[in-house]
Amino acid sequence: MDLVDFIRSLPSPLRRIVYAVYHKFGDKYYAEMAFWESRYKKDNENFSNESYQGLMLAIAKETDASYFDGKVVVDFGCGPRGSLAWMGNADLRVGVDVLMDRYVDSFFNCMKDHETVYVKSTEKVIPLPSNFADVVMTINSIDHVNNLETMCNELIRVLKPGGTFLGSFNLEEPPAPCEPQKLDEEIVKKHLLNFLEVKSYRVASLPADGNRYKAFDQESLEYTPGEEGTLWIRAEKPSS
């Protein structure tokens, strides 16, 4: 069992204490790489990415992959697993991540077959043109950044006017080695939604079994502010 799996196996109160200590003294990037290295081993050194299609379509409230046909799609905080590999008819697929160079060094044999352009971001700038993407998505990744306001501004900058923003956010999750930001609904609204036109807003409490997407599958969306939960957003960047 590696360090990541060991910490995740601890009882919740103890796990939070360990995360708090690591968050104060640990290296965020080391923890991020440790996470993906453990997943890589579990996937038999060939990342599994079959779940992304259903998840991304569900967040978009679409039932058909043709929604992405002909579009420029950017996934911020994509990791190395191939989140866009299924999106064969998109005009361009771009995966953006702060650790992209390290992912390519470690996992290139998997990533070269994703048919995705991979781009290394910094903690201040996404190196893509303004008004570039038809779709910008971030799936449980904005809490991983050090500079929340700056990176939210960058997501909006990269999105075309009239383009679609898709987001999944873990709410009220305690800071962890890989996730220095603790998000709530007001923070998401302040830094993202106040600059977008919201088309779909769904929030659900974290189930006792920890399966945070189950409530969306069952449309049993109940949430009490202050509890751990998950927020799904579909929004558009205003055309003017």
Protein backbone atom coordinates (compact mmCIF):
# COMPACT_ATOMS: atom_id res chain seq x y z
CA MET A 1 0.00 0.00 0.00
CA ASP A 2 1.47 3.40 -0.98
CA LEU A 3 1.22 6.63 1.04
CA VAL A 4 -1.87 7.93 -0.76
CA ASP A 5 -3.83 4.73 -0.27
CA PHE A 6 -2.68 4.48 3.36
CA ILE A 7 -3.94 7.97 4.20
CA ARG A 8 -7.24 7.36 2.39
CA SER A 9 -7.70 4.13 4.37
CA LEU A 10 -7.59 5.93 7.72
CA PRO A 11 -10.80 6.66 9.67
CA SER A 12 -12.23 10.03 8.66
CA PRO A 13 -11.26 12.03 11.81
CA LEU A 14 -7.68 10.74 11.73
CA ARG A 15 -7.44 11.23 7.96
CA ARG A 16 -8.38 14.90 8.34
CA ILE A 17 -5.69 15.42 10.97
CA VAL A 18 -3.05 13.79 8.74
CA TYR A 19 -4.20 15.86 5.75
CA ALA A 20 -4.08 19.06 7.82
CA VAL A 21 -0.50 18.38 8.90
CA TYR A 22 0.55 17.43 5.38
CA HIS A 23 -1.19 20.49 3.94
CA LYS A 24 0.82 22.72 6.27
CA PHE A 25 4.20 21.10 5.73
CA GLY A 26 3.92 18.90 2.63
CA ASP A 27 4.54 19.38 -1.08
CA LYS A 28 1.35 19.71 -3.13
CA TYR A 29 2.97 18.54 -6.35
CA TYR A 30 4.58 15.53 -4.71
CA ALA A 31 1.17 14.49 -3.38
CA GLU A 32 -0.45 15.00 -6.78
CA MET A 33 2.13 12.81 -8.51
CA ALA A 34 1.86 10.18 -5.78
CA PHE A 35 -1.89 10.02 -6.39
CA TRP A 36 -1.53 9.46 -10.14
CA GLU A 37 1.31 6.98 -9.71
CA SER A 38 -0.93 4.91 -7.44
CA ARG A 39 -3.79 5.05 -9.96
CA TYR A 40 -1.38 4.10 -12.74
CA LYS A 41 -0.37 0.96 -10.86
CA LYS A 42 -4.00 0.07 -10.15
CA ASP A 43 -4.84 0.44 -13.86
CA ASN A 44 -2.04 -2.00 -14.75
CA GLU A 45 0.13 0.78 -16.16
CA ASN A 46 -2.44 1.75 -18.78
CA PHE A 47 -4.81 4.42 -17.48
CA SER A 48 -8.52 3.60 -17.52
CA ASN A 49 -10.65 6.49 -18.80
CA GLU A 50 -14.00 4.90 -19.72
CA SER A 51 -15.93 6.77 -17.02
CA TYR A 52 -15.30 10.27 -18.38
CA GLN A 53 -17.85 10.18 -21.19
CA GLY A 54 -20.81 9.48 -18.94
CA LEU A 55 -19.64 11.93 -16.31
CA MET A 56 -19.01 14.81 -18.69
CA LEU A 57 -22.27 14.31 -20.57
CA ALA A 58 -24.14 14.20 -17.26
CA ILE A 59 -22.61 17.48 -16.11
CA ALA A 60 -23.51 19.03 -19.47
CA LYS A 61 -27.06 17.62 -19.24
CA GLU A 62 -26.55 16.05 -22.66
CA THR A 63 -27.30 12.47 -23.68
CA ASP A 64 -25.35 12.30 -26.93
CA ALA A 65 -21.62 12.72 -27.50
CA SER A 66 -22.42 14.59 -30.72
CA TYR A 67 -22.88 17.70 -28.55
CA PHE A 68 -19.09 18.10 -28.67
CA ASP A 69 -18.79 17.52 -32.43
CA GLY A 70 -16.77 20.22 -34.20
CA LYS A 71 -15.97 22.05 -30.96
CA VAL A 72 -12.70 23.15 -29.38
CA VAL A 73 -12.83 21.59 -25.90
CA VAL A 74 -10.46 22.44 -23.03
CA ASP A 75 -10.29 20.40 -19.82
CA PHE A 76 -8.49 22.30 -17.06
CA GLY A 77 -6.81 20.10 -14.44
CA CYS A 78 -7.21 17.10 -16.70
CA GLY A 79 -4.50 14.89 -15.20
CA PRO A 80 -2.82 12.18 -17.32
CA ARG A 81 -5.66 9.68 -17.64
CA GLY A 82 -7.17 10.81 -20.95
CA SER A 83 -10.35 12.61 -19.93
CA LEU A 84 -11.05 13.71 -23.53
CA ALA A 85 -9.90 10.56 -25.33
CA TRP A 86 -13.51 9.51 -26.01
CA MET A 87 -14.43 12.79 -27.71
CA GLY A 88 -13.48 11.67 -31.21
CA ASN A 89 -15.48 14.20 -33.23
CA ALA A 90 -14.40 17.32 -31.38
CA ASP A 91 -12.47 19.69 -33.62
CA LEU A 92 -9.68 20.00 -31.03
CA ARG A 93 -9.18 18.46 -27.58
CA VAL A 94 -6.86 20.29 -25.16
CA GLY A 95 -5.88 19.00 -21.74
CA VAL A 96 -4.37 21.58 -19.39
CA ASP A 97 -2.55 20.82 -16.15
CA VAL A 98 0.12 22.41 -13.97
CA LEU A 99 2.00 19.09 -13.82
CA MET A 100 1.74 18.22 -17.49
CA ASP A 101 5.50 17.97 -18.03
CA ARG A 102 5.82 15.50 -15.15
CA TYR A 103 2.86 13.48 -16.40
CA VAL A 104 4.36 13.21 -19.88
CA ASP A 105 7.73 12.18 -18.46
CA SER A 106 6.11 9.43 -16.38
CA PHE A 107 3.13 8.29 -18.44
CA PHE A 108 3.87 9.16 -22.07
CA ASN A 109 3.26 5.64 -23.37
CA CYS A 110 -0.38 5.99 -22.31
CA MET A 111 -0.90 9.66 -23.11
CA LYS A 112 0.41 9.58 -26.68
CA ASP A 113 -2.69 7.63 -27.77
CA HIS A 114 -5.25 10.04 -26.30
CA GLU A 115 -5.39 12.21 -29.45
CA THR A 116 -5.31 15.22 -27.16
CA VAL A 117 -3.07 18.29 -27.20
CA TYR A 118 -1.58 18.50 -23.72
CA VAL A 119 -0.55 21.91 -22.37
CA LYS A 120 1.34 22.80 -19.20
CA SER A 121 -0.31 25.61 -17.24
CA THR A 122 1.33 27.71 -14.55
CA GLU A 123 -0.37 28.75 -11.31
CA LYS A 124 -0.97 32.16 -12.91
CA VAL A 125 -1.55 31.66 -16.65
CA ILE A 126 -3.17 29.14 -18.99
CA PRO A 127 -1.02 29.46 -22.15
CA LEU A 128 -3.93 29.53 -24.59
CA PRO A 129 -5.38 32.47 -26.57
CA SER A 130 -8.29 34.50 -25.25
CA ASN A 131 -11.75 33.51 -26.56
CA PHE A 132 -10.29 30.22 -27.78
CA ALA A 133 -12.54 27.37 -26.61
CA ASP A 134 -16.14 26.47 -27.36
CA VAL A 135 -16.23 24.43 -24.15
CA VAL A 136 -14.13 24.84 -21.01
CA MET A 137 -14.56 22.28 -18.26
CA THR A 138 -13.04 21.69 -14.86
CA ILE A 139 -13.86 18.46 -13.04
CA ASN A 140 -12.90 18.53 -9.35
CA SER A 141 -9.77 20.50 -10.15
CA ILE A 142 -10.21 24.17 -9.25
CA ASP A 143 -9.68 23.35 -5.56
CA HIS A 144 -6.22 22.08 -6.54
CA VAL A 145 -4.90 25.52 -7.54
CA ASN A 146 -2.88 27.86 -5.35
CA ASN A 147 -4.27 31.08 -6.86
CA LEU A 148 -8.04 30.61 -7.01
CA GLU A 149 -9.16 34.00 -8.28
CA THR A 150 -6.40 34.19 -10.90
CA MET A 151 -7.11 30.76 -12.34
CA CYS A 152 -10.88 31.31 -12.41
CA ASN A 153 -10.24 34.49 -14.40
CA GLU A 154 -8.08 32.47 -16.78
CA LEU A 155 -10.84 29.89 -17.37
CA ILE A 156 -13.24 32.67 -18.31
CA ARG A 157 -10.66 34.39 -20.51
CA VAL A 158 -9.98 31.26 -22.56
CA LEU A 159 -13.70 30.60 -23.18
CA LYS A 160 -15.31 32.11 -26.28
CA PRO A 161 -18.24 34.50 -25.86
CA GLY A 162 -21.31 32.29 -26.07
CA GLY A 163 -19.18 29.26 -25.15
CA THR A 164 -20.11 26.68 -22.54
CA PHE A 165 -18.54 26.28 -19.12
CA LEU A 166 -18.92 22.90 -17.40
CA GLY A 167 -17.81 22.39 -13.82
CA SER A 168 -17.90 19.88 -10.99
CA PHE A 169 -16.87 21.21 -7.58
CA ASN A 170 -16.36 19.41 -4.26
CA LEU A 171 -17.92 21.65 -1.61
CA GLU A 172 -16.83 22.04 2.02
CA GLU A 173 -14.08 19.47 1.56
CA PRO A 174 -11.26 20.09 4.05
CA PRO A 175 -7.97 21.22 2.49
CA ALA A 176 -5.72 18.30 1.58
CA PRO A 177 -2.18 17.96 0.20
CA CYS A 178 -3.38 18.13 -3.42
CA GLU A 179 -6.30 20.48 -2.74
CA PRO A 180 -5.38 23.68 -0.88
CA GLN A 181 -8.74 25.38 -1.55
CA LYS A 182 -11.89 24.76 0.47
CA LEU A 183 -14.83 25.62 -1.77
CA ASP A 184 -18.41 26.55 -0.99
CA GLU A 185 -21.28 27.84 -3.11
CA GLU A 186 -20.49 31.49 -2.41
CA ILE A 187 -16.84 31.12 -3.42
CA VAL A 188 -17.81 29.47 -6.72
CA LYS A 189 -20.35 32.21 -7.40
CA LYS A 190 -17.92 35.00 -6.53
CA HIS A 191 -15.07 33.80 -8.72
CA LEU A 192 -16.92 32.11 -11.61
CA LEU A 193 -20.68 32.26 -11.78
CA ASN A 194 -20.99 36.02 -11.35
CA PHE A 195 -19.27 36.32 -14.74
CA LEU A 196 -21.33 33.65 -16.52
CA GLU A 197 -24.96 32.99 -17.40
CA VAL A 198 -26.00 29.90 -15.43
CA LYS A 199 -28.03 27.36 -17.41
CA SER A 200 -27.99 24.44 -14.96
CA TYR A 201 -27.17 24.45 -11.23
CA ARG A 202 -27.32 21.17 -9.30
CA VAL A 203 -25.97 20.53 -5.82
CA ALA A 204 -26.17 17.43 -3.63
CA SER A 205 -24.88 16.39 -0.22
CA LEU A 206 -22.14 13.79 0.01
CA PRO A 207 -23.79 10.37 0.59
CA ALA A 208 -22.75 8.27 3.55
CA ASP A 209 -21.06 5.78 1.23
CA GLY A 210 -18.88 8.53 -0.27
CA ASN A 211 -20.19 8.06 -3.83
CA ARG A 212 -20.59 11.75 -4.57
CA TYR A 213 -22.14 11.32 -8.04
CA LYS A 214 -24.85 8.85 -7.03
CA ALA A 215 -27.34 11.58 -6.12
CA PHE A 216 -27.10 13.06 -9.61
CA ASP A 217 -27.79 9.68 -11.21
CA GLN A 218 -30.89 9.30 -9.04
CA GLU A 219 -31.89 12.99 -9.24
CA SER A 220 -32.11 13.00 -5.41
CA LEU A 221 -30.57 16.44 -5.05
CA GLU A 222 -30.75 17.66 -1.47
CA TYR A 223 -28.15 19.88 0.11
CA THR A 224 -27.68 21.76 3.37
CA PRO A 225 -25.15 24.61 3.13
CA GLY A 226 -22.09 23.89 5.24
CA GLU A 227 -22.18 20.14 4.55
CA GLU A 228 -19.79 18.35 2.25
CA GLY A 229 -21.33 18.02 -1.18
CA THR A 230 -20.94 18.31 -4.93
CA LEU A 231 -21.95 21.13 -7.25
CA TRP A 232 -22.49 20.68 -10.99
CA ILE A 233 -22.67 23.74 -13.24
CA ARG A 234 -23.43 24.39 -16.86
CA ALA A 235 -23.12 28.03 -17.82
CA GLU A 236 -22.35 30.28 -20.78
CA LYS A 237 -20.00 33.21 -21.22
CA PRO A 238 -22.01 36.29 -22.19
CA SER A 239 -21.71 37.24 -25.84
CA SER A 240 -21.18 40.89 -25.02
